[in-house]
């Protein structure tokens, strides 16, 4: 995520309204920002899988995108 994307996310989540609170008093807002950034990045990765021409059947790209969105990790 680049700085412009971060700033847009920061304002979209209205975290600018708590920007001057001491860090220890805004754990929930910080967590909200971190989770939103992770979700946005995950979605971009999933979209890349859907659009990427791999030469494999479309089923595989769609499955990989679903796995990324679901945060599934194989042990």
PDB file of N, CA and C in Angstrom:
ATOM      1  N   UNK A   1       0.854  -1.171   0.000  1.00  0.00           N
ATOM      2  CA  UNK A   1       0.000   0.000   0.000  1.00  0.00           C
ATOM      3  C   UNK A   1       0.897   1.231   0.000  1.00  0.00           C
ATOM      4  N   UNK A   2       0.644   2.117  -0.928  1.00  0.00           N
ATOM      5  CA  UNK A   2       1.471   3.325  -0.980  1.00  0.00           C
ATOM      6  C   UNK A   2       0.867   4.423  -0.088  1.00  0.00           C
ATOM      7  N   UNK A   3       1.574   5.533   0.031  1.00  0.00           N
ATOM      8  CA  UNK A   3       1.156   6.604   0.941  1.00  0.00           C
ATOM      9  C   UNK A   3      -0.200   7.193   0.553  1.00  0.00           C
ATOM     10  N   UNK A   4      -0.453   7.363  -0.733  1.00  0.00           N
ATOM     11  CA  UNK A   4      -1.748   7.901  -1.168  1.00  0.00           C
ATOM     12  C   UNK A   4      -2.896   6.963  -0.782  1.00  0.00           C
ATOM     13  N   UNK A   5      -2.684   5.664  -0.982  1.00  0.00           N
ATOM     14  CA  UNK A   5      -3.709   4.685  -0.610  1.00  0.00           C
ATOM     15  C   UNK A   5      -3.931   4.688   0.902  1.00  0.00           C
ATOM     16  N   UNK A   6      -2.841   4.791   1.653  1.00  0.00           N
ATOM     17  CA  UNK A   6      -2.934   4.860   3.118  1.00  0.00           C
ATOM     18  C   UNK A   6      -3.734   6.091   3.543  1.00  0.00           C
ATOM     19  N   UNK A   7      -3.425   7.249   2.977  1.00  0.00           N
ATOM     20  CA  UNK A   7      -4.135   8.486   3.343  1.00  0.00           C
ATOM     21  C   UNK A   7      -5.617   8.394   3.014  1.00  0.00           C
ATOM     22  N   UNK A   8      -5.943   7.817   1.861  1.00  0.00           N
ATOM     23  CA  UNK A   8      -7.350   7.665   1.471  1.00  0.00           C
ATOM     24  C   UNK A   8      -8.065   6.747   2.464  1.00  0.00           C
ATOM     25  N   UNK A   9      -7.437   5.638   2.803  1.00  0.00           N
ATOM     26  CA  UNK A   9      -8.021   4.706   3.754  1.00  0.00           C
ATOM     27  C   UNK A   9      -8.186   5.354   5.127  1.00  0.00           C
ATOM     28  N   UNK A  10      -7.186   6.095   5.562  1.00  0.00           N
ATOM     29  CA  UNK A  10      -7.207   6.803   6.845  1.00  0.00           C
ATOM     30  C   UNK A  10      -8.430   7.716   6.937  1.00  0.00           C
ATOM     31  N   UNK A  11      -8.699   8.454   5.864  1.00  0.00           N
ATOM     32  CA  UNK A  11      -9.837   9.378   5.863  1.00  0.00           C
ATOM     33  C   UNK A  11     -11.162   8.653   5.645  1.00  0.00           C
ATOM     34  N   UNK A  12     -11.175   7.627   4.805  1.00  0.00           N
ATOM     35  CA  UNK A  12     -12.408   6.867   4.589  1.00  0.00           C
ATOM     36  C   UNK A  12     -12.894   6.208   5.871  1.00  0.00           C
ATOM     37  N   UNK A  13     -11.967   5.794   6.714  1.00  0.00           N
ATOM     38  CA  UNK A  13     -12.327   5.178   7.994  1.00  0.00           C
ATOM     39  C   UNK A  13     -12.557   6.216   9.086  1.00  0.00           C
ATOM     40  N   UNK A  14     -12.432   7.496   8.733  1.00  0.00           N
ATOM     41  CA  UNK A  14     -12.625   8.635   9.634  1.00  0.00           C
ATOM     42  C   UNK A  14     -11.662   8.600  10.819  1.00  0.00           C
ATOM     43  N   UNK A  15     -10.479   8.062  10.587  1.00  0.00           N
ATOM     44  CA  UNK A  15      -9.484   8.038  11.646  1.00  0.00           C
ATOM     45  C   UNK A  15      -8.849   9.401  11.843  1.00  0.00           C
ATOM     46  N   UNK A  16      -9.030  10.291  10.887  1.00  0.00           N
ATOM     47  CA  UNK A  16      -8.553  11.652  11.058  1.00  0.00           C
ATOM     48  C   UNK A  16      -9.248  12.334  12.241  1.00  0.00           C
ATOM     49  N   UNK A  17     -10.404  11.824  12.637  1.00  0.00           N
ATOM     50  CA  UNK A  17     -11.143  12.403  13.761  1.00  0.00           C
ATOM     51  C   UNK A  17     -10.498  12.073  15.109  1.00  0.00           C
ATOM     52  N   UNK A  18      -9.628  11.056  15.122  1.00  0.00           N
ATOM     53  CA  UNK A  18      -8.963  10.670  16.371  1.00  0.00           C
ATOM     54  C   UNK A  18      -7.445  10.806  16.253  1.00  0.00           C
ATOM     55  N   UNK A  19      -6.992  11.515  15.255  1.00  0.00           N
ATOM     56  CA  UNK A  19      -5.561  11.584  14.952  1.00  0.00           C
ATOM     57  C   UNK A  19      -4.731  12.167  16.099  1.00  0.00           C
ATOM     58  N   UNK A  20      -5.320  12.969  16.945  1.00  0.00           N
ATOM     59  CA  UNK A  20      -4.546  13.609  18.002  1.00  0.00           C
ATOM     60  C   UNK A  20      -4.728  12.953  19.371  1.00  0.00           C
ATOM     61  N   UNK A  21      -5.418  11.820  19.406  1.00  0.00           N
ATOM     62  CA  UNK A  21      -5.530  11.083  20.653  1.00  0.00           C
ATOM     63  C   UNK A  21      -4.210  10.371  20.922  1.00  0.00           C
ATOM     64  N   UNK A  22      -3.822  10.221  22.167  1.00  0.00           N
ATOM     65  CA  UNK A  22      -2.625   9.421  22.466  1.00  0.00           C
ATOM     66  C   UNK A  22      -2.818   8.001  21.929  1.00  0.00           C
ATOM     67  N   UNK A  23      -1.768   7.429  21.412  1.00  0.00           N
ATOM     68  CA  UNK A  23      -1.848   6.130  20.764  1.00  0.00           C
ATOM     69  C   UNK A  23      -2.506   5.076  21.643  1.00  0.00           C
ATOM     70  N   UNK A  24      -2.178   5.042  22.912  1.00  0.00           N
ATOM     71  CA  UNK A  24      -2.727   4.011  23.787  1.00  0.00           C
ATOM     72  C   UNK A  24      -4.226   4.174  24.023  1.00  0.00           C
ATOM     73  N   UNK A  25      -4.785   5.305  23.658  1.00  0.00           N
ATOM     74  CA  UNK A  25      -6.219   5.535  23.829  1.00  0.00           C
ATOM     75  C   UNK A  25      -7.003   5.235  22.561  1.00  0.00           C
ATOM     76  N   UNK A  26      -6.340   4.810  21.504  1.00  0.00           N
ATOM     77  CA  UNK A  26      -7.065   4.574  20.252  1.00  0.00           C
ATOM     78  C   UNK A  26      -6.715   3.216  19.638  1.00  0.00           C
ATOM     79  N   UNK A  27      -6.583   2.211  20.502  1.00  0.00           N
ATOM     80  CA  UNK A  27      -6.276   0.866  20.023  1.00  0.00           C
ATOM     81  C   UNK A  27      -7.283   0.377  18.989  1.00  0.00           C
ATOM     82  N   UNK A  28      -8.557   0.606  19.229  1.00  0.00           N
ATOM     83  CA  UNK A  28      -9.583   0.118  18.306  1.00  0.00           C
ATOM     84  C   UNK A  28      -9.468   0.791  16.933  1.00  0.00           C
ATOM     85  N   UNK A  29      -9.171   2.091  16.935  1.00  0.00           N
ATOM     86  CA  UNK A  29      -9.023   2.799  15.665  1.00  0.00           C
ATOM     87  C   UNK A  29      -7.794   2.307  14.900  1.00  0.00           C
ATOM     88  N   UNK A  30      -6.701   2.077  15.606  1.00  0.00           N
ATOM     89  CA  UNK A  30      -5.481   1.575  14.960  1.00  0.00           C
ATOM     90  C   UNK A  30      -5.738   0.179  14.403  1.00  0.00           C
ATOM     91  N   UNK A  31      -6.397  -0.660  15.180  1.00  0.00           N
ATOM     92  CA  UNK A  31      -6.727  -2.007  14.727  1.00  0.00           C
ATOM     93  C   UNK A  31      -7.634  -1.955  13.498  1.00  0.00           C
ATOM     94  N   UNK A  32      -8.570  -1.029  13.491  1.00  0.00           N
ATOM     95  CA  UNK A  32      -9.470  -0.861  12.353  1.00  0.00           C
ATOM     96  C   UNK A  32      -8.674  -0.500  11.092  1.00  0.00           C
ATOM     97  N   UNK A  33      -7.709   0.385  11.225  1.00  0.00           N
ATOM     98  CA  UNK A  33      -6.882   0.790  10.095  1.00  0.00           C
ATOM     99  C   UNK A  33      -6.039  -0.376   9.592  1.00  0.00           C
ATOM    100  N   UNK A  34      -5.406  -1.087  10.498  1.00  0.00           N
ATOM    101  CA  UNK A  34      -4.565  -2.224  10.110  1.00  0.00           C
ATOM    102  C   UNK A  34      -5.399  -3.277   9.387  1.00  0.00           C
ATOM    103  N   UNK A  35      -6.542  -3.631   9.950  1.00  0.00           N
ATOM    104  CA  UNK A  35      -7.388  -4.645   9.327  1.00  0.00           C
ATOM    105  C   UNK A  35      -7.935  -4.195   7.978  1.00  0.00           C
ATOM    106  N   UNK A  36      -8.274  -2.930   7.853  1.00  0.00           N
ATOM    107  CA  UNK A  36      -8.757  -2.415   6.571  1.00  0.00           C
ATOM    108  C   UNK A  36      -7.643  -2.447   5.521  1.00  0.00           C
ATOM    109  N   UNK A  37      -6.431  -2.131   5.919  1.00  0.00           N
ATOM    110  CA  UNK A  37      -5.303  -2.176   4.991  1.00  0.00           C
ATOM    111  C   UNK A  37      -5.031  -3.605   4.535  1.00  0.00           C
ATOM    112  N   UNK A  38      -5.095  -4.544   5.462  1.00  0.00           N
ATOM    113  CA  UNK A  38      -4.889  -5.952   5.116  1.00  0.00           C
ATOM    114  C   UNK A  38      -5.986  -6.421   4.162  1.00  0.00           C
ATOM    115  N   UNK A  39      -7.222  -6.086   4.451  1.00  0.00           N
ATOM    116  CA  UNK A  39      -8.335  -6.491   3.593  1.00  0.00           C
ATOM    117  C   UNK A  39      -8.210  -5.895   2.192  1.00  0.00           C
ATOM    118  N   UNK A  40      -7.825  -4.621   2.112  1.00  0.00           N
ATOM    119  CA  UNK A  40      -7.662  -3.969   0.811  1.00  0.00           C
ATOM    120  C   UNK A  40      -6.554  -4.643   0.001  1.00  0.00           C
ATOM    121  N   UNK A  41      -5.449  -4.956   0.651  1.00  0.00           N
ATOM    122  CA  UNK A  41      -4.340  -5.612  -0.040  1.00  0.00           C
ATOM    123  C   UNK A  41      -4.727  -7.021  -0.478  1.00  0.00           C
ATOM    124  N   UNK A  42      -5.435  -7.745   0.378  1.00  0.00           N
ATOM    125  CA  UNK A  42      -5.901  -9.091   0.042  1.00  0.00           C
ATOM    126  C   UNK A  42      -6.814  -9.050  -1.180  1.00  0.00           C
ATOM    127  N   UNK A  43      -7.706  -8.063  -1.220  1.00  0.00           N
ATOM    128  CA  UNK A  43      -8.626  -7.933  -2.354  1.00  0.00           C
ATOM    129  C   UNK A  43      -7.864  -7.651  -3.648  1.00  0.00           C
ATOM    130  N   UNK A  44      -6.853  -6.798  -3.584  1.00  0.00           N
ATOM    131  CA  UNK A  44      -6.050  -6.515  -4.775  1.00  0.00           C
ATOM    132  C   UNK A  44      -5.314  -7.772  -5.258  1.00  0.00           C
ATOM    133  N   UNK A  45      -4.826  -8.580  -4.340  1.00  0.00           N
ATOM    134  CA  UNK A  45      -4.161  -9.831  -4.712  1.00  0.00           C
ATOM    135  C   UNK A  45      -5.152 -10.789  -5.366  1.00  0.00           C
ATOM    136  N   UNK A  46      -6.345 -10.873  -4.809  1.00  0.00           N
ATOM    137  CA  UNK A  46      -7.368 -11.746  -5.370  1.00  0.00           C
ATOM    138  C   UNK A  46      -7.762 -11.290  -6.773  1.00  0.00           C
ATOM    139  N   UNK A  47      -7.914  -9.993  -6.961  1.00  0.00           N
ATOM    140  CA  UNK A  47      -8.234  -9.464  -8.291  1.00  0.00           C
ATOM    141  C   UNK A  47      -7.134  -9.780  -9.286  1.00  0.00           C
ATOM    142  N   UNK A  48      -5.890  -9.689  -8.836  1.00  0.00           N
ATOM    143  CA  UNK A  48      -4.763  -9.998  -9.715  1.00  0.00           C
ATOM    144  C   UNK A  48      -4.828 -11.455 -10.156  1.00  0.00           C
ATOM    145  N   UNK A  49      -5.197 -12.343  -9.256  1.00  0.00           N
ATOM    146  CA  UNK A  49      -5.333 -13.761  -9.614  1.00  0.00           C
ATOM    147  C   UNK A  49      -6.422 -13.953 -10.662  1.00  0.00           C
ATOM    148  N   UNK A  50      -7.514 -13.246 -10.509  1.00  0.00           N
ATOM    149  CA  UNK A  50      -8.626 -13.380 -11.448  1.00  0.00           C
ATOM    150  C   UNK A  50      -8.268 -12.856 -12.834  1.00  0.00           C
ATOM    151  N   UNK A  51      -7.427 -11.836 -12.890  1.00  0.00           N
ATOM    152  CA  UNK A  51      -7.105 -11.197 -14.161  1.00  0.00           C
ATOM    153  C   UNK A  51      -5.864 -11.762 -14.833  1.00  0.00           C
ATOM    154  N   UNK A  52      -5.034 -12.431 -14.073  1.00  0.00           N
ATOM    155  CA  UNK A  52      -3.750 -12.894 -14.592  1.00  0.00           C
ATOM    156  C   UNK A  52      -3.945 -14.062 -15.551  1.00  0.00           C
ATOM    157  N   UNK A  53      -3.342 -13.945 -16.729  1.00  0.00           N
ATOM    158  CA  UNK A  53      -3.405 -15.014 -17.720  1.00  0.00           C
ATOM    159  C   UNK A  53      -2.340 -16.047 -17.398  1.00  0.00           C
ATOM    160  N   UNK A  54      -2.751 -17.174 -16.888  1.00  0.00           N
ATOM    161  CA  UNK A  54      -1.789 -18.202 -16.497  1.00  0.00           C
ATOM    162  C   UNK A  54      -1.722 -19.336 -17.504  1.00  0.00           C
ATOM    163  N   UNK A  55      -2.677 -19.419 -18.390  1.00  0.00           N
ATOM    164  CA  UNK A  55      -2.748 -20.552 -19.287  1.00  0.00           C
ATOM    165  C   UNK A  55      -3.462 -21.726 -18.641  1.00  0.00           C
ATOM    166  N   UNK A  56      -3.797 -21.590 -17.358  1.00  0.00           N
ATOM    167  CA  UNK A  56      -4.541 -22.623 -16.663  1.00  0.00           C
ATOM    168  C   UNK A  56      -6.030 -22.347 -16.816  1.00  0.00           C
ATOM    169  N   UNK A  57      -6.855 -23.356 -16.588  1.00  0.00           N
ATOM    170  CA  UNK A  57      -8.303 -23.112 -16.647  1.00  0.00           C
ATOM    171  C   UNK A  57      -8.708 -22.004 -15.684  1.00  0.00           C
ATOM    172  N   UNK A  58      -9.738 -21.282 -16.046  1.00  0.00           N
ATOM    173  CA  UNK A  58     -10.221 -20.160 -15.226  1.00  0.00           C
ATOM    174  C   UNK A  58     -10.581 -20.612 -13.819  1.00  0.00           C
ATOM    175  N   UNK A  59     -11.007 -21.862 -13.676  1.00  0.00           N
ATOM    176  CA  UNK A  59     -11.361 -22.410 -12.375  1.00  0.00           C
ATOM    177  C   UNK A  59     -10.240 -22.229 -11.361  1.00  0.00           C
ATOM    178  N   UNK A  60      -9.000 -22.456 -11.769  1.00  0.00           N
ATOM    179  CA  UNK A  60      -7.875 -22.348 -10.846  1.00  0.00           C
ATOM    180  C   UNK A  60      -7.658 -20.913 -10.376  1.00  0.00           C
ATOM    181  N   UNK A  61      -7.762 -19.968 -11.301  1.00  0.00           N
ATOM    182  CA  UNK A  61      -7.600 -18.559 -10.929  1.00  0.00           C
ATOM    183  C   UNK A  61      -8.715 -18.125  -9.979  1.00  0.00           C
ATOM    184  N   UNK A  62      -9.948 -18.556 -10.258  1.00  0.00           N
ATOM    185  CA  UNK A  62     -11.080 -18.208  -9.397  1.00  0.00           C
ATOM    186  C   UNK A  62     -10.933 -18.845  -8.018  1.00  0.00           C
ATOM    187  N   UNK A  63     -10.457 -20.076  -7.994  1.00  0.00           N
ATOM    188  CA  UNK A  63     -10.252 -20.766  -6.711  1.00  0.00           C
ATOM    189  C   UNK A  63      -9.185 -20.065  -5.893  1.00  0.00           C
ATOM    190  N   UNK A  64      -8.086 -19.709  -6.534  1.00  0.00           N
ATOM    191  CA  UNK A  64      -7.017 -19.006  -5.835  1.00  0.00           C
ATOM    192  C   UNK A  64      -7.516 -17.671  -5.287  1.00  0.00           C
ATOM    193  N   UNK A  65      -8.313 -16.954  -6.055  1.00  0.00           N
ATOM    194  CA  UNK A  65      -8.873 -15.680  -5.582  1.00  0.00           C
ATOM    195  C   UNK A  65      -9.756 -15.900  -4.358  1.00  0.00           C
ATOM    196  N   UNK A  66     -10.580 -16.952  -4.371  1.00  0.00           N
ATOM    197  CA  UNK A  66     -11.433 -17.250  -3.207  1.00  0.00           C
ATOM    198  C   UNK A  66     -10.593 -17.600  -1.981  1.00  0.00           C
ATOM    199  N   UNK A  67      -9.512 -18.344  -2.190  1.00  0.00           N
ATOM    200  CA  UNK A  67      -8.631 -18.719  -1.083  1.00  0.00           C
ATOM    201  C   UNK A  67      -8.016 -17.471  -0.456  1.00  0.00           C
ATOM    202  N   UNK A  68      -7.555 -16.537  -1.274  1.00  0.00           N
ATOM    203  CA  UNK A  68      -6.960 -15.303  -0.768  1.00  0.00           C
ATOM    204  C   UNK A  68      -8.004 -14.507   0.012  1.00  0.00           C
ATOM    205  N   UNK A  69      -9.182 -14.368  -0.538  1.00  0.00           N
ATOM    206  CA  UNK A  69     -10.215 -13.584   0.145  1.00  0.00           C
ATOM    207  C   UNK A  69     -10.625 -14.218   1.469  1.00  0.00           C
ATOM    208  N   UNK A  70     -10.595 -15.537   1.529  1.00  0.00           N
ATOM    209  CA  UNK A  70     -11.015 -16.257   2.736  1.00  0.00           C
ATOM    210  C   UNK A  70      -9.881 -16.367   3.758  1.00  0.00           C
ATOM    211  N   UNK A  71      -8.670 -15.968   3.387  1.00  0.00           N
ATOM    212  CA  UNK A  71      -7.494 -16.029   4.259  1.00  0.00           C
ATOM    213  C   UNK A  71      -7.158 -17.466   4.624  1.00  0.00           C
ATOM    214  N   UNK A  72      -7.487 -18.392   3.756  1.00  0.00           N
ATOM    215  CA  UNK A  72      -7.201 -19.809   4.010  1.00  0.00           C
ATOM    216  C   UNK A  72      -5.727 -20.072   3.840  1.00  0.00           C
ATOM    217  N   UNK A  73      -5.139 -20.746   4.818  1.00  0.00           N
ATOM    218  CA  UNK A  73      -3.729 -21.097   4.770  1.00  0.00           C
ATOM    219  C   UNK A  73      -3.610 -22.593   4.982  1.00  0.00           C
ATOM    220  N   UNK A  74      -2.938 -23.252   4.067  1.00  0.00           N
ATOM    221  CA  UNK A  74      -2.734 -24.694   4.188  1.00  0.00           C
ATOM    222  C   UNK A  74      -1.618 -24.965   5.178  1.00  0.00           C
ATOM    223  N   UNK A  75      -1.862 -25.850   6.136  1.00  0.00           N
ATOM    224  CA  UNK A  75      -0.841 -26.199   7.131  1.00  0.00           C
ATOM    225  C   UNK A  75       0.161 -27.184   6.561  1.00  0.00           C
TER     226      UNK A  75
END
